[in-house]
């Protein structure tokens, strides 16, 4: 595969990373056919893309954890139908 084709592959990775961390819908990834070896001239860019993917995965894992924590807190609050008296929700923690 030519350097231009590899550049397009890396462009796609960068676009998907930006979409993922901005909350967009990332299309299903399809591996390129007959990609061949990465040209040495693009090795540093590929490393940066790999680092960006790892950073994005860490960000998304943190967001997922935070959302789960918030959902668990919401689930812990009894619904109005279970309690005959008013409830106070401490939003300041």
C-alpha atoms as a PDB file:
ATOM      1  CA  UNK A   1       0.000   0.000   0.000  1.00  0.00           C
ATOM      2  CA  UNK A   2       1.298   3.456  -0.814  1.00  0.00           C
ATOM      3  CA  UNK A   3       2.093   6.154   1.765  1.00  0.00           C
ATOM      4  CA  UNK A   4      -0.982   8.068   0.537  1.00  0.00           C
ATOM      5  CA  UNK A   5      -3.223   5.078   1.273  1.00  0.00           C
ATOM      6  CA  UNK A   6      -1.659   4.669   4.715  1.00  0.00           C
ATOM      7  CA  UNK A   7      -2.149   8.391   5.345  1.00  0.00           C
ATOM      8  CA  UNK A   8      -5.845   7.940   4.548  1.00  0.00           C
ATOM      9  CA  UNK A   9      -6.035   5.032   7.017  1.00  0.00           C
ATOM     10  CA  UNK A  10      -4.404   7.155   9.728  1.00  0.00           C
ATOM     11  CA  UNK A  11      -6.738  10.056   8.848  1.00  0.00           C
ATOM     12  CA  UNK A  12      -9.668   7.699   9.451  1.00  0.00           C
ATOM     13  CA  UNK A  13      -8.314   6.671  12.846  1.00  0.00           C
ATOM     14  CA  UNK A  14      -7.862  10.318  13.842  1.00  0.00           C
ATOM     15  CA  UNK A  15     -11.388  11.169  12.679  1.00  0.00           C
ATOM     16  CA  UNK A  16     -12.845   8.245  14.658  1.00  0.00           C
ATOM     17  CA  UNK A  17     -10.914   9.249  17.794  1.00  0.00           C
ATOM     18  CA  UNK A  18     -12.270  12.805  17.561  1.00  0.00           C
ATOM     19  CA  UNK A  19     -15.805  11.492  17.046  1.00  0.00           C
ATOM     20  CA  UNK A  20     -15.553   9.116  19.998  1.00  0.00           C
ATOM     21  CA  UNK A  21     -14.337  11.680  22.516  1.00  0.00           C
ATOM     22  CA  UNK A  22     -16.904  14.252  21.343  1.00  0.00           C
ATOM     23  CA  UNK A  23     -19.758  11.815  21.870  1.00  0.00           C
ATOM     24  CA  UNK A  24     -20.395  11.149  18.201  1.00  0.00           C
ATOM     25  CA  UNK A  25     -21.322   7.834  16.643  1.00  0.00           C
ATOM     26  CA  UNK A  26     -18.191   6.114  15.423  1.00  0.00           C
ATOM     27  CA  UNK A  27     -18.797   3.868  12.424  1.00  0.00           C
ATOM     28  CA  UNK A  28     -17.863   0.215  12.684  1.00  0.00           C
ATOM     29  CA  UNK A  29     -14.237  -0.192  11.765  1.00  0.00           C
ATOM     30  CA  UNK A  30     -13.388  -2.372   8.798  1.00  0.00           C
ATOM     31  CA  UNK A  31      -9.730  -3.356   8.489  1.00  0.00           C
ATOM     32  CA  UNK A  32      -8.125  -2.320   5.223  1.00  0.00           C
ATOM     33  CA  UNK A  33      -7.568  -5.093   2.732  1.00  0.00           C
ATOM     34  CA  UNK A  34      -3.969  -5.756   1.711  1.00  0.00           C
ATOM     35  CA  UNK A  35      -2.625  -2.847   3.747  1.00  0.00           C
ATOM     36  CA  UNK A  36       0.886  -4.186   3.686  1.00  0.00           C
ATOM     37  CA  UNK A  37       3.583  -2.862   5.972  1.00  0.00           C
ATOM     38  CA  UNK A  38       3.426   0.677   7.299  1.00  0.00           C
ATOM     39  CA  UNK A  39       5.904   2.904   5.449  1.00  0.00           C
ATOM     40  CA  UNK A  40       8.755   3.983   7.726  1.00  0.00           C
ATOM     41  CA  UNK A  41       8.010   7.623   6.906  1.00  0.00           C
ATOM     42  CA  UNK A  42       4.653   7.296   8.699  1.00  0.00           C
ATOM     43  CA  UNK A  43       5.853   5.394  11.768  1.00  0.00           C
ATOM     44  CA  UNK A  44       5.968   8.442  14.062  1.00  0.00           C
ATOM     45  CA  UNK A  45       2.478   9.535  13.020  1.00  0.00           C
ATOM     46  CA  UNK A  46       1.185   6.012  13.604  1.00  0.00           C
ATOM     47  CA  UNK A  47       2.678   6.084  17.135  1.00  0.00           C
ATOM     48  CA  UNK A  48       0.919   9.387  17.821  1.00  0.00           C
ATOM     49  CA  UNK A  49      -2.369   7.928  16.594  1.00  0.00           C
ATOM     50  CA  UNK A  50      -1.871   4.876  18.807  1.00  0.00           C
ATOM     51  CA  UNK A  51      -1.192   7.136  21.810  1.00  0.00           C
ATOM     52  CA  UNK A  52      -4.301   9.186  20.983  1.00  0.00           C
ATOM     53  CA  UNK A  53      -6.372   5.987  20.834  1.00  0.00           C
ATOM     54  CA  UNK A  54      -5.094   4.945  24.263  1.00  0.00           C
ATOM     55  CA  UNK A  55      -5.889   8.412  25.664  1.00  0.00           C
ATOM     56  CA  UNK A  56      -9.383   8.300  24.148  1.00  0.00           C
ATOM     57  CA  UNK A  57      -9.997   4.837  25.600  1.00  0.00           C
ATOM     58  CA  UNK A  58      -8.981   6.104  29.050  1.00  0.00           C
ATOM     59  CA  UNK A  59     -11.263   9.147  28.740  1.00  0.00           C
ATOM     60  CA  UNK A  60     -14.194   7.001  27.643  1.00  0.00           C
ATOM     61  CA  UNK A  61     -13.576   4.490  30.446  1.00  0.00           C
ATOM     62  CA  UNK A  62     -13.612   7.354  32.982  1.00  0.00           C
ATOM     63  CA  UNK A  63     -16.837   8.737  31.524  1.00  0.00           C
ATOM     64  CA  UNK A  64     -18.421   5.293  31.607  1.00  0.00           C
ATOM     65  CA  UNK A  65     -17.398   4.849  35.251  1.00  0.00           C
ATOM     66  CA  UNK A  66     -18.706   8.297  36.192  1.00  0.00           C
ATOM     67  CA  UNK A  67     -22.022   7.650  34.434  1.00  0.00           C
ATOM     68  CA  UNK A  68     -22.343   4.310  36.225  1.00  0.00           C
ATOM     69  CA  UNK A  69     -21.679   5.992  39.571  1.00  0.00           C
ATOM     70  CA  UNK A  70     -24.328   8.617  38.863  1.00  0.00           C
ATOM     71  CA  UNK A  71     -26.855   5.998  37.759  1.00  0.00           C
ATOM     72  CA  UNK A  72     -26.201   3.983  40.909  1.00  0.00           C
ATOM     73  CA  UNK A  73     -26.821   7.093  43.015  1.00  0.00           C
ATOM     74  CA  UNK A  74     -30.096   7.730  41.201  1.00  0.00           C
ATOM     75  CA  UNK A  75     -31.139   4.104  41.654  1.00  0.00           C
ATOM     76  CA  UNK A  76     -30.439   4.400  45.393  1.00  0.00           C
ATOM     77  CA  UNK A  77     -33.097   7.108  45.786  1.00  0.00           C
ATOM     78  CA  UNK A  78     -36.441   5.506  46.647  1.00  0.00           C
ATOM     79  CA  UNK A  79     -39.248   6.307  44.253  1.00  0.00           C
ATOM     80  CA  UNK A  80     -42.169   8.442  45.417  1.00  0.00           C
ATOM     81  CA  UNK A  81     -44.498   5.475  45.415  1.00  0.00           C
ATOM     82  CA  UNK A  82     -42.439   3.670  48.074  1.00  0.00           C
ATOM     83  CA  UNK A  83     -42.440   6.497  50.583  1.00  0.00           C
ATOM     84  CA  UNK A  84     -45.403   8.264  52.148  1.00  0.00           C
ATOM     85  CA  UNK A  85     -43.222  11.143  53.374  1.00  0.00           C
ATOM     86  CA  UNK A  86     -41.131  13.699  51.477  1.00  0.00           C
ATOM     87  CA  UNK A  87     -37.508  12.869  50.743  1.00  0.00           C
ATOM     88  CA  UNK A  88     -34.515  15.180  50.706  1.00  0.00           C
ATOM     89  CA  UNK A  89     -31.852  14.649  48.063  1.00  0.00           C
ATOM     90  CA  UNK A  90     -28.468  16.067  49.065  1.00  0.00           C
ATOM     91  CA  UNK A  91     -27.016  17.296  45.779  1.00  0.00           C
ATOM     92  CA  UNK A  92     -23.891  18.765  47.378  1.00  0.00           C
ATOM     93  CA  UNK A  93     -22.647  15.427  48.646  1.00  0.00           C
END
